[in-house]
């Protein structure tokens, strides 16, 4: 894959198909894992996977990350829908032709859709990945959609740090 994708080219169309698959895969993986957790575990129960480090803990989050805005699911759903629509509208502009940014935005979109489905169906987000260091430190419980969003945001930031921005033809002509 080249380092730059021309808009409306065959390579961009292939990349967009790949991104659609990435969105679909992240939503299916997220929702499938949540259905599995719901059917296999009672709420607030824990399965120790790696003692002192990693548990599967079934909880419901009424807010966003770290339970911020807890109780405002409708607001978080509205924000998620608005963010998802913005990503779709500005997909090409924000990716600037860089393939990794297409993938980053696709992961973010998939994560937004996964958590939005939870808010619509359950009124809260199902979380179950519990990383901790014995009883000294417990990271907030999260899910696959959260992972997709974090990976996408990290990839997008790294791309912006290490890639030169596209220079608008009008700007370069004026210099």
N, C-alpha and C. Protein backbone atom coordinates (compact mmCIF):
# COMPACT_ATOMS: atom_id res chain seq x y z
N UNK A 1 0.83 -1.17 0.00
CA UNK A 1 0.00 0.00 0.00
C UNK A 1 0.89 1.24 0.00
N UNK A 2 0.55 2.19 -0.86
CA UNK A 2 1.38 3.39 -0.94
C UNK A 2 1.17 4.26 0.29
N UNK A 3 2.01 5.28 0.41
CA UNK A 3 1.93 6.14 1.59
C UNK A 3 0.87 7.22 1.44
N UNK A 4 0.27 7.34 0.27
CA UNK A 4 -0.76 8.33 0.06
C UNK A 4 -1.81 7.76 -0.89
N UNK A 5 -3.08 8.00 -0.59
CA UNK A 5 -4.17 7.49 -1.40
C UNK A 5 -4.86 8.67 -2.08
N UNK A 6 -5.00 8.58 -3.38
CA UNK A 6 -5.67 9.63 -4.14
C UNK A 6 -7.18 9.46 -4.01
N UNK A 7 -7.89 10.56 -3.71
CA UNK A 7 -9.34 10.47 -3.59
C UNK A 7 -9.99 9.93 -4.87
N UNK A 8 -10.98 9.08 -4.70
CA UNK A 8 -11.78 8.48 -5.78
C UNK A 8 -10.99 7.51 -6.66
N UNK A 9 -9.81 7.13 -6.25
CA UNK A 9 -9.02 6.16 -7.02
C UNK A 9 -9.43 4.74 -6.65
N UNK A 10 -8.95 3.77 -7.44
CA UNK A 10 -9.23 2.36 -7.12
C UNK A 10 -8.62 1.98 -5.78
N UNK A 11 -7.44 2.51 -5.50
CA UNK A 11 -6.81 2.16 -4.22
C UNK A 11 -7.61 2.73 -3.05
N UNK A 12 -8.19 3.92 -3.23
CA UNK A 12 -9.02 4.46 -2.15
C UNK A 12 -10.30 3.64 -1.99
N UNK A 13 -10.88 3.20 -3.08
CA UNK A 13 -12.09 2.38 -2.99
C UNK A 13 -11.81 1.07 -2.26
N UNK A 14 -10.65 0.45 -2.54
CA UNK A 14 -10.27 -0.77 -1.81
C UNK A 14 -10.07 -0.47 -0.32
N UNK A 15 -9.43 0.65 -0.04
CA UNK A 15 -9.19 1.04 1.35
C UNK A 15 -10.52 1.33 2.06
N UNK A 16 -11.46 1.96 1.39
CA UNK A 16 -12.76 2.23 1.99
C UNK A 16 -13.52 0.94 2.27
N UNK A 17 -13.38 -0.05 1.39
CA UNK A 17 -14.00 -1.36 1.63
C UNK A 17 -13.36 -2.00 2.85
N UNK A 18 -12.05 -1.93 2.94
CA UNK A 18 -11.32 -2.46 4.10
C UNK A 18 -11.79 -1.76 5.38
N UNK A 19 -11.96 -0.44 5.31
CA UNK A 19 -12.41 0.32 6.48
C UNK A 19 -13.83 -0.05 6.88
N UNK A 20 -14.70 -0.26 5.90
CA UNK A 20 -16.07 -0.70 6.21
C UNK A 20 -16.03 -2.06 6.92
N UNK A 21 -15.15 -2.95 6.45
CA UNK A 21 -14.97 -4.24 7.12
C UNK A 21 -14.45 -4.05 8.54
N UNK A 22 -13.51 -3.13 8.71
CA UNK A 22 -12.94 -2.86 10.03
C UNK A 22 -14.01 -2.33 11.00
N UNK A 23 -14.87 -1.44 10.52
CA UNK A 23 -15.98 -0.95 11.35
C UNK A 23 -16.89 -2.12 11.71
N UNK A 24 -17.28 -2.91 10.72
CA UNK A 24 -18.17 -4.05 10.94
C UNK A 24 -17.55 -5.05 11.90
N UNK A 25 -16.29 -5.39 11.69
CA UNK A 25 -15.60 -6.37 12.53
C UNK A 25 -15.51 -5.88 13.97
N UNK A 26 -15.18 -4.60 14.17
CA UNK A 26 -15.06 -4.10 15.54
C UNK A 26 -16.42 -4.08 16.25
N UNK A 27 -17.49 -3.76 15.52
CA UNK A 27 -18.83 -3.76 16.12
C UNK A 27 -19.25 -5.18 16.47
N UNK A 28 -19.03 -6.12 15.54
CA UNK A 28 -19.41 -7.52 15.78
C UNK A 28 -18.60 -8.10 16.94
N UNK A 29 -17.29 -7.85 16.98
CA UNK A 29 -16.46 -8.35 18.07
C UNK A 29 -16.90 -7.75 19.40
N UNK A 30 -17.18 -6.45 19.41
CA UNK A 30 -17.63 -5.78 20.63
C UNK A 30 -18.96 -6.35 21.09
N UNK A 31 -19.95 -6.36 20.22
CA UNK A 31 -21.28 -6.80 20.62
C UNK A 31 -21.30 -8.30 20.94
N UNK A 32 -20.54 -9.09 20.20
CA UNK A 32 -20.47 -10.53 20.48
C UNK A 32 -19.87 -10.80 21.84
N UNK A 33 -18.81 -10.09 22.17
CA UNK A 33 -18.17 -10.29 23.48
C UNK A 33 -19.11 -9.87 24.60
N UNK A 34 -19.86 -8.80 24.40
CA UNK A 34 -20.79 -8.33 25.42
C UNK A 34 -21.95 -9.32 25.60
N UNK A 35 -22.45 -9.88 24.50
CA UNK A 35 -23.51 -10.89 24.60
C UNK A 35 -23.02 -12.12 25.35
N UNK A 36 -21.78 -12.52 25.08
CA UNK A 36 -21.18 -13.66 25.77
C UNK A 36 -21.08 -13.39 27.27
N UNK A 37 -20.59 -12.22 27.62
CA UNK A 37 -20.44 -11.86 29.03
C UNK A 37 -21.80 -11.83 29.71
N UNK A 38 -22.79 -11.20 29.07
CA UNK A 38 -24.14 -11.11 29.65
C UNK A 38 -24.75 -12.48 29.88
N UNK A 39 -24.55 -13.38 28.93
CA UNK A 39 -25.18 -14.70 29.05
C UNK A 39 -24.43 -15.63 30.00
N UNK A 40 -23.14 -15.40 30.21
CA UNK A 40 -22.33 -16.32 31.00
C UNK A 40 -22.11 -15.88 32.44
N UNK A 41 -22.34 -14.60 32.74
CA UNK A 41 -21.98 -14.09 34.06
C UNK A 41 -23.10 -13.25 34.66
N UNK A 42 -23.28 -13.35 35.97
CA UNK A 42 -24.19 -12.40 36.63
C UNK A 42 -23.52 -11.03 36.74
N UNK A 43 -24.33 -9.99 36.77
CA UNK A 43 -23.82 -8.63 36.91
C UNK A 43 -22.97 -8.51 38.17
N UNK A 44 -21.85 -7.81 38.07
CA UNK A 44 -20.89 -7.54 39.16
C UNK A 44 -20.10 -8.78 39.58
N UNK A 45 -20.10 -9.81 38.76
CA UNK A 45 -19.29 -10.99 39.09
C UNK A 45 -17.93 -10.87 38.38
N UNK A 46 -16.96 -11.63 38.88
CA UNK A 46 -15.59 -11.57 38.38
C UNK A 46 -15.04 -12.97 38.14
N UNK A 47 -14.31 -13.10 37.05
CA UNK A 47 -13.54 -14.31 36.78
C UNK A 47 -12.08 -13.90 36.73
N UNK A 48 -11.29 -14.47 37.60
CA UNK A 48 -9.86 -14.16 37.63
C UNK A 48 -9.18 -14.91 36.49
N UNK A 49 -8.51 -14.18 35.60
CA UNK A 49 -7.83 -14.78 34.45
C UNK A 49 -6.34 -14.88 34.71
N UNK A 50 -5.71 -13.77 35.05
CA UNK A 50 -4.30 -13.75 35.44
C UNK A 50 -4.25 -13.15 36.84
N UNK A 51 -4.04 -13.97 37.86
CA UNK A 51 -4.09 -13.49 39.24
C UNK A 51 -3.22 -12.26 39.46
N UNK A 52 -3.84 -11.25 40.06
CA UNK A 52 -3.13 -10.01 40.36
C UNK A 52 -3.00 -9.05 39.20
N UNK A 53 -3.47 -9.43 37.99
CA UNK A 53 -3.27 -8.60 36.81
C UNK A 53 -4.51 -8.38 35.95
N UNK A 54 -5.28 -9.44 35.72
CA UNK A 54 -6.35 -9.35 34.73
C UNK A 54 -7.56 -10.20 35.13
N UNK A 55 -8.72 -9.57 35.14
CA UNK A 55 -9.98 -10.25 35.43
C UNK A 55 -10.99 -9.93 34.33
N UNK A 56 -11.98 -10.79 34.22
CA UNK A 56 -13.19 -10.48 33.47
C UNK A 56 -14.23 -10.12 34.53
N UNK A 57 -14.67 -8.87 34.54
CA UNK A 57 -15.61 -8.37 35.54
C UNK A 57 -16.77 -7.72 34.81
N UNK A 58 -17.95 -8.26 34.98
CA UNK A 58 -19.14 -7.75 34.30
C UNK A 58 -19.76 -6.60 35.08
N UNK A 59 -19.69 -5.40 34.49
CA UNK A 59 -20.29 -4.21 35.08
C UNK A 59 -21.04 -3.43 34.01
N UNK A 60 -21.89 -2.54 34.45
CA UNK A 60 -22.61 -1.62 33.56
C UNK A 60 -22.14 -0.21 33.88
N UNK A 61 -21.81 0.54 32.84
CA UNK A 61 -21.34 1.91 33.00
C UNK A 61 -22.43 2.85 32.50
N UNK A 62 -22.98 3.65 33.40
CA UNK A 62 -24.02 4.60 33.05
C UNK A 62 -23.46 5.89 32.46
N UNK A 63 -22.13 6.02 32.45
CA UNK A 63 -21.51 7.23 31.95
C UNK A 63 -20.56 6.93 30.81
N UNK A 64 -19.58 7.82 30.66
CA UNK A 64 -18.53 7.63 29.65
C UNK A 64 -17.30 7.07 30.38
N UNK A 65 -16.13 7.31 29.85
CA UNK A 65 -14.90 6.82 30.46
C UNK A 65 -14.82 7.25 31.92
N UNK A 66 -14.43 6.32 32.78
CA UNK A 66 -14.32 6.55 34.21
C UNK A 66 -15.64 7.02 34.81
N UNK A 67 -16.74 6.62 34.21
CA UNK A 67 -18.10 6.95 34.65
C UNK A 67 -18.40 8.45 34.65
N UNK A 68 -17.64 9.22 33.86
CA UNK A 68 -17.95 10.64 33.73
C UNK A 68 -19.34 10.79 33.13
N UNK A 69 -20.05 11.81 33.52
CA UNK A 69 -21.42 12.09 33.06
C UNK A 69 -22.36 10.92 33.34
N UNK A 70 -22.12 10.23 34.42
CA UNK A 70 -22.96 9.10 34.80
C UNK A 70 -24.41 9.55 34.95
N UNK A 71 -25.30 8.80 34.35
CA UNK A 71 -26.71 9.14 34.40
C UNK A 71 -27.18 9.97 33.22
N UNK A 72 -26.27 10.35 32.35
CA UNK A 72 -26.62 11.15 31.17
C UNK A 72 -26.45 10.34 29.89
N UNK A 73 -26.98 9.13 29.89
CA UNK A 73 -26.84 8.24 28.73
C UNK A 73 -27.38 8.87 27.47
N UNK A 74 -28.49 9.57 27.58
CA UNK A 74 -29.09 10.20 26.40
C UNK A 74 -28.15 11.24 25.80
N UNK A 75 -27.46 12.01 26.66
CA UNK A 75 -26.51 13.02 26.19
C UNK A 75 -25.30 12.34 25.54
N UNK A 76 -24.81 11.28 26.18
CA UNK A 76 -23.67 10.55 25.63
C UNK A 76 -24.04 9.87 24.31
N UNK A 77 -25.26 9.36 24.21
CA UNK A 77 -25.73 8.77 22.96
C UNK A 77 -25.80 9.84 21.87
N UNK A 78 -26.34 11.00 22.20
CA UNK A 78 -26.43 12.10 21.23
C UNK A 78 -25.03 12.54 20.78
N UNK A 79 -24.11 12.62 21.73
CA UNK A 79 -22.73 12.99 21.39
C UNK A 79 -22.10 11.93 20.49
N UNK A 80 -22.33 10.64 20.81
CA UNK A 80 -21.79 9.55 20.00
C UNK A 80 -22.34 9.57 18.58
N UNK A 81 -23.64 9.79 18.46
CA UNK A 81 -24.26 9.86 17.13
C UNK A 81 -23.69 11.04 16.35
N UNK A 82 -23.59 12.20 17.00
CA UNK A 82 -23.03 13.39 16.34
C UNK A 82 -21.59 13.16 15.91
N UNK A 83 -20.78 12.57 16.79
CA UNK A 83 -19.38 12.29 16.46
C UNK A 83 -19.29 11.29 15.31
N UNK A 84 -20.12 10.26 15.34
CA UNK A 84 -20.13 9.27 14.27
C UNK A 84 -20.50 9.87 12.93
N UNK A 85 -21.50 10.75 12.94
CA UNK A 85 -21.91 11.42 11.70
C UNK A 85 -20.80 12.33 11.20
N UNK A 86 -20.15 13.07 12.10
CA UNK A 86 -19.03 13.94 11.71
C UNK A 86 -17.90 13.14 11.07
N UNK A 87 -17.60 11.99 11.65
CA UNK A 87 -16.54 11.15 11.07
C UNK A 87 -16.91 10.74 9.65
N UNK A 88 -18.16 10.35 9.44
CA UNK A 88 -18.59 9.96 8.09
C UNK A 88 -18.53 11.14 7.11
N UNK A 89 -18.97 12.30 7.55
CA UNK A 89 -18.99 13.48 6.67
C UNK A 89 -17.58 13.94 6.33
N UNK A 90 -16.70 13.96 7.32
CA UNK A 90 -15.36 14.51 7.12
C UNK A 90 -14.29 13.44 6.95
N UNK A 91 -14.68 12.22 6.66
CA UNK A 91 -13.76 11.07 6.58
C UNK A 91 -12.56 11.37 5.67
N UNK A 92 -12.83 11.78 4.45
CA UNK A 92 -11.73 12.05 3.50
C UNK A 92 -10.88 13.24 3.94
N UNK A 93 -11.53 14.30 4.39
CA UNK A 93 -10.78 15.50 4.78
C UNK A 93 -9.85 15.19 5.95
N UNK A 94 -10.36 14.49 6.98
CA UNK A 94 -9.55 14.21 8.16
C UNK A 94 -8.46 13.18 7.89
N UNK A 95 -8.71 12.26 6.97
CA UNK A 95 -7.68 11.25 6.68
C UNK A 95 -6.58 11.81 5.79
N UNK A 96 -6.87 12.85 5.04
CA UNK A 96 -5.90 13.53 4.18
C UNK A 96 -5.15 12.57 3.24
N UNK A 97 -5.78 11.47 2.90
CA UNK A 97 -5.16 10.53 1.96
C UNK A 97 -4.18 9.56 2.59
N UNK A 98 -4.00 9.61 3.91
CA UNK A 98 -3.06 8.70 4.57
C UNK A 98 -3.80 7.45 5.01
N UNK A 99 -3.40 6.27 4.53
CA UNK A 99 -4.13 5.03 4.81
C UNK A 99 -4.33 4.75 6.30
N UNK A 100 -3.33 5.03 7.12
CA UNK A 100 -3.47 4.73 8.55
C UNK A 100 -4.54 5.60 9.20
N UNK A 101 -4.77 6.78 8.66
CA UNK A 101 -5.82 7.65 9.21
C UNK A 101 -7.21 7.13 8.83
N UNK A 102 -7.33 6.57 7.64
CA UNK A 102 -8.59 5.92 7.25
C UNK A 102 -8.91 4.82 8.27
N UNK A 103 -7.91 3.99 8.55
CA UNK A 103 -8.10 2.87 9.49
C UNK A 103 -8.38 3.39 10.90
N UNK A 104 -7.69 4.44 11.31
CA UNK A 104 -7.91 5.02 12.64
C UNK A 104 -9.35 5.51 12.77
N UNK A 105 -9.83 6.23 11.77
CA UNK A 105 -11.20 6.74 11.82
C UNK A 105 -12.22 5.60 11.78
N UNK A 106 -11.91 4.53 11.05
CA UNK A 106 -12.80 3.37 11.01
C UNK A 106 -12.89 2.70 12.39
N UNK A 107 -11.76 2.58 13.07
CA UNK A 107 -11.77 1.99 14.42
C UNK A 107 -12.57 2.86 15.39
N UNK A 108 -12.38 4.18 15.31
CA UNK A 108 -13.12 5.09 16.17
C UNK A 108 -14.63 4.96 15.89
N UNK A 109 -14.98 4.93 14.62
CA UNK A 109 -16.39 4.79 14.23
C UNK A 109 -16.98 3.48 14.75
N UNK A 110 -16.25 2.39 14.61
CA UNK A 110 -16.72 1.10 15.12
C UNK A 110 -16.93 1.12 16.62
N UNK A 111 -16.01 1.74 17.34
CA UNK A 111 -16.14 1.85 18.80
C UNK A 111 -17.34 2.70 19.20
N UNK A 112 -17.54 3.80 18.50
CA UNK A 112 -18.70 4.66 18.78
C UNK A 112 -19.99 3.89 18.54
N UNK A 113 -20.06 3.15 17.44
CA UNK A 113 -21.27 2.38 17.13
C UNK A 113 -21.50 1.32 18.20
N UNK A 114 -20.45 0.61 18.60
CA UNK A 114 -20.58 -0.45 19.61
C UNK A 114 -21.13 0.06 20.93
N UNK A 115 -20.57 1.16 21.43
CA UNK A 115 -21.05 1.71 22.70
C UNK A 115 -22.42 2.37 22.55
N UNK A 116 -22.71 2.93 21.38
CA UNK A 116 -24.02 3.54 21.14
C UNK A 116 -25.12 2.47 21.11
N UNK A 117 -24.82 1.32 20.55
CA UNK A 117 -25.79 0.21 20.56
C UNK A 117 -26.14 -0.15 22.01
N UNK A 118 -25.13 -0.23 22.86
CA UNK A 118 -25.38 -0.53 24.28
C UNK A 118 -26.28 0.52 24.92
N UNK A 119 -25.99 1.78 24.67
CA UNK A 119 -26.79 2.85 25.28
C UNK A 119 -28.23 2.79 24.80
N UNK A 120 -28.42 2.46 23.52
CA UNK A 120 -29.78 2.34 22.98
C UNK A 120 -30.52 1.14 23.56
N UNK A 121 -29.88 -0.03 23.59
CA UNK A 121 -30.54 -1.27 24.01
C UNK A 121 -30.62 -1.44 25.51
N UNK A 122 -29.58 -1.00 26.22
CA UNK A 122 -29.50 -1.28 27.65
C UNK A 122 -29.57 -0.03 28.54
N UNK A 123 -29.40 1.14 27.96
CA UNK A 123 -29.37 2.36 28.76
C UNK A 123 -28.04 2.58 29.44
N UNK A 124 -27.11 1.67 29.23
CA UNK A 124 -25.76 1.76 29.81
C UNK A 124 -24.82 0.94 28.93
N UNK A 125 -23.53 1.10 29.17
CA UNK A 125 -22.52 0.38 28.39
C UNK A 125 -22.03 -0.82 29.21
N UNK A 126 -21.94 -1.97 28.56
CA UNK A 126 -21.46 -3.19 29.20
C UNK A 126 -19.93 -3.18 29.14
N UNK A 127 -19.29 -3.25 30.29
CA UNK A 127 -17.84 -3.31 30.38
C UNK A 127 -17.44 -4.61 31.07
N UNK A 128 -16.25 -5.12 30.73
CA UNK A 128 -15.85 -6.40 31.34
C UNK A 128 -14.34 -6.63 31.39
N UNK A 129 -13.53 -5.83 30.74
CA UNK A 129 -12.08 -6.03 30.77
C UNK A 129 -11.52 -5.26 31.96
N UNK A 130 -10.96 -5.99 32.91
CA UNK A 130 -10.51 -5.38 34.17
C UNK A 130 -9.01 -5.64 34.35
N UNK A 131 -8.22 -4.62 34.12
CA UNK A 131 -6.77 -4.69 34.29
C UNK A 131 -6.42 -4.03 35.61
N UNK A 132 -5.57 -4.70 36.38
CA UNK A 132 -5.21 -4.15 37.70
C UNK A 132 -3.84 -4.67 38.12
N UNK A 133 -3.31 -4.04 39.14
CA UNK A 133 -2.06 -4.51 39.75
C UNK A 133 -2.39 -4.89 41.19
N UNK A 134 -2.63 -6.17 41.37
CA UNK A 134 -3.05 -6.72 42.66
C UNK A 134 -4.15 -5.83 43.25
N UNK A 135 -4.07 -5.47 44.51
CA UNK A 135 -5.07 -4.55 45.07
C UNK A 135 -4.51 -3.14 45.20
N UNK A 136 -3.37 -2.89 44.54
CA UNK A 136 -2.72 -1.58 44.62
C UNK A 136 -3.36 -0.60 43.63
N UNK A 137 -3.61 -1.06 42.40
CA UNK A 137 -4.14 -0.17 41.37
C UNK A 137 -5.15 -0.93 40.51
N UNK A 138 -6.29 -0.32 40.28
CA UNK A 138 -7.31 -0.89 39.41
C UNK A 138 -7.64 0.12 38.32
N UNK A 139 -7.37 -0.25 37.08
CA UNK A 139 -7.77 0.59 35.95
C UNK A 139 -9.27 0.41 35.76
N UNK A 140 -10.00 1.46 35.37
CA UNK A 140 -11.45 1.30 35.17
C UNK A 140 -11.77 0.19 34.16
N UNK A 141 -12.81 -0.56 34.43
CA UNK A 141 -13.23 -1.66 33.57
C UNK A 141 -13.68 -1.09 32.22
N UNK A 142 -13.32 -1.76 31.13
CA UNK A 142 -13.63 -1.26 29.79
C UNK A 142 -14.06 -2.41 28.89
N UNK A 143 -14.24 -2.14 27.58
CA UNK A 143 -14.72 -3.15 26.64
C UNK A 143 -13.99 -3.05 25.30
N UNK A 144 -14.39 -3.87 24.34
CA UNK A 144 -13.75 -3.91 23.02
C UNK A 144 -13.95 -2.60 22.27
N UNK A 145 -15.15 -2.00 22.37
CA UNK A 145 -15.40 -0.72 21.70
C UNK A 145 -14.45 0.35 22.22
N UNK A 146 -14.23 0.36 23.54
CA UNK A 146 -13.28 1.32 24.12
C UNK A 146 -11.88 1.09 23.57
N UNK A 147 -11.50 -0.18 23.42
CA UNK A 147 -10.19 -0.51 22.84
C UNK A 147 -10.08 0.02 21.41
N UNK A 148 -11.13 -0.18 20.61
CA UNK A 148 -11.12 0.28 19.23
C UNK A 148 -10.96 1.79 19.16
N UNK A 149 -11.70 2.50 20.02
CA UNK A 149 -11.60 3.96 20.04
C UNK A 149 -10.19 4.39 20.45
N UNK A 150 -9.65 3.81 21.49
CA UNK A 150 -8.30 4.19 21.97
C UNK A 150 -7.22 3.88 20.93
N UNK A 151 -7.31 2.71 20.31
CA UNK A 151 -6.34 2.36 19.26
C UNK A 151 -6.46 3.32 18.09
N UNK A 152 -7.70 3.63 17.69
CA UNK A 152 -7.91 4.56 16.58
C UNK A 152 -7.38 5.95 16.89
N UNK A 153 -7.68 6.46 18.07
CA UNK A 153 -7.20 7.80 18.46
C UNK A 153 -5.68 7.82 18.52
N UNK A 154 -5.08 6.79 19.10
CA UNK A 154 -3.62 6.72 19.19
C UNK A 154 -2.98 6.67 17.80
N UNK A 155 -3.52 5.84 16.92
CA UNK A 155 -3.02 5.75 15.55
C UNK A 155 -3.15 7.08 14.83
N UNK A 156 -4.27 7.76 15.02
CA UNK A 156 -4.49 9.06 14.38
C UNK A 156 -3.48 10.10 14.89
N UNK A 157 -3.26 10.12 16.20
CA UNK A 157 -2.29 11.07 16.78
C UNK A 157 -0.88 10.78 16.29
N UNK A 158 -0.49 9.51 16.30
CA UNK A 158 0.85 9.16 15.82
C UNK A 158 1.03 9.56 14.36
N UNK A 159 0.01 9.30 13.55
CA UNK A 159 0.08 9.69 12.15
C UNK A 159 0.25 11.20 12.00
N UNK A 160 -0.49 11.96 12.80
CA UNK A 160 -0.38 13.41 12.73
C UNK A 160 0.97 13.92 13.21
N UNK A 161 1.58 13.21 14.15
CA UNK A 161 2.89 13.63 14.64
C UNK A 161 4.01 13.36 13.64
N UNK A 162 3.89 12.24 12.91
CA UNK A 162 5.00 11.82 12.06
C UNK A 162 4.78 12.03 10.56
N UNK A 163 3.61 12.39 10.15
CA UNK A 163 3.33 12.64 8.74
C UNK A 163 3.22 14.13 8.50
N UNK A 164 3.77 14.56 7.39
CA UNK A 164 3.59 15.96 7.01
C UNK A 164 2.16 16.14 6.52
N UNK A 165 1.58 17.26 6.87
CA UNK A 165 0.21 17.56 6.43
C UNK A 165 0.21 17.87 4.94
N UNK A 166 -0.89 17.53 4.29
CA UNK A 166 -1.04 17.89 2.89
C UNK A 166 -1.06 19.41 2.78
N UNK A 167 -0.38 19.92 1.79
CA UNK A 167 -0.39 21.36 1.57
C UNK A 167 -1.42 21.66 0.50
N UNK A 168 -2.33 22.53 0.81
CA UNK A 168 -3.36 22.94 -0.12
C UNK A 168 -2.69 23.61 -1.33
N UNK A 169 -3.13 23.26 -2.52
CA UNK A 169 -2.55 23.80 -3.75
C UNK A 169 -2.66 25.30 -3.78
N UNK A 170 -3.75 25.86 -3.27
CA UNK A 170 -3.92 27.31 -3.26
C UNK A 170 -2.92 27.97 -2.33
N UNK A 171 -2.65 27.35 -1.19
CA UNK A 171 -1.68 27.90 -0.25
C UNK A 171 -0.28 27.88 -0.83
N UNK A 172 0.07 26.77 -1.49
CA UNK A 172 1.43 26.65 -2.04
C UNK A 172 1.61 27.56 -3.25
N UNK A 173 0.56 27.85 -3.98
CA UNK A 173 0.66 28.74 -5.13
C UNK A 173 0.88 30.18 -4.69
N UNK A 174 0.36 30.54 -3.51
CA UNK A 174 0.50 31.89 -2.99
C UNK A 174 1.86 32.17 -2.40
N UNK A 175 2.68 31.15 -2.18
CA UNK A 175 3.99 31.33 -1.53
C UNK A 175 5.08 31.54 -2.54
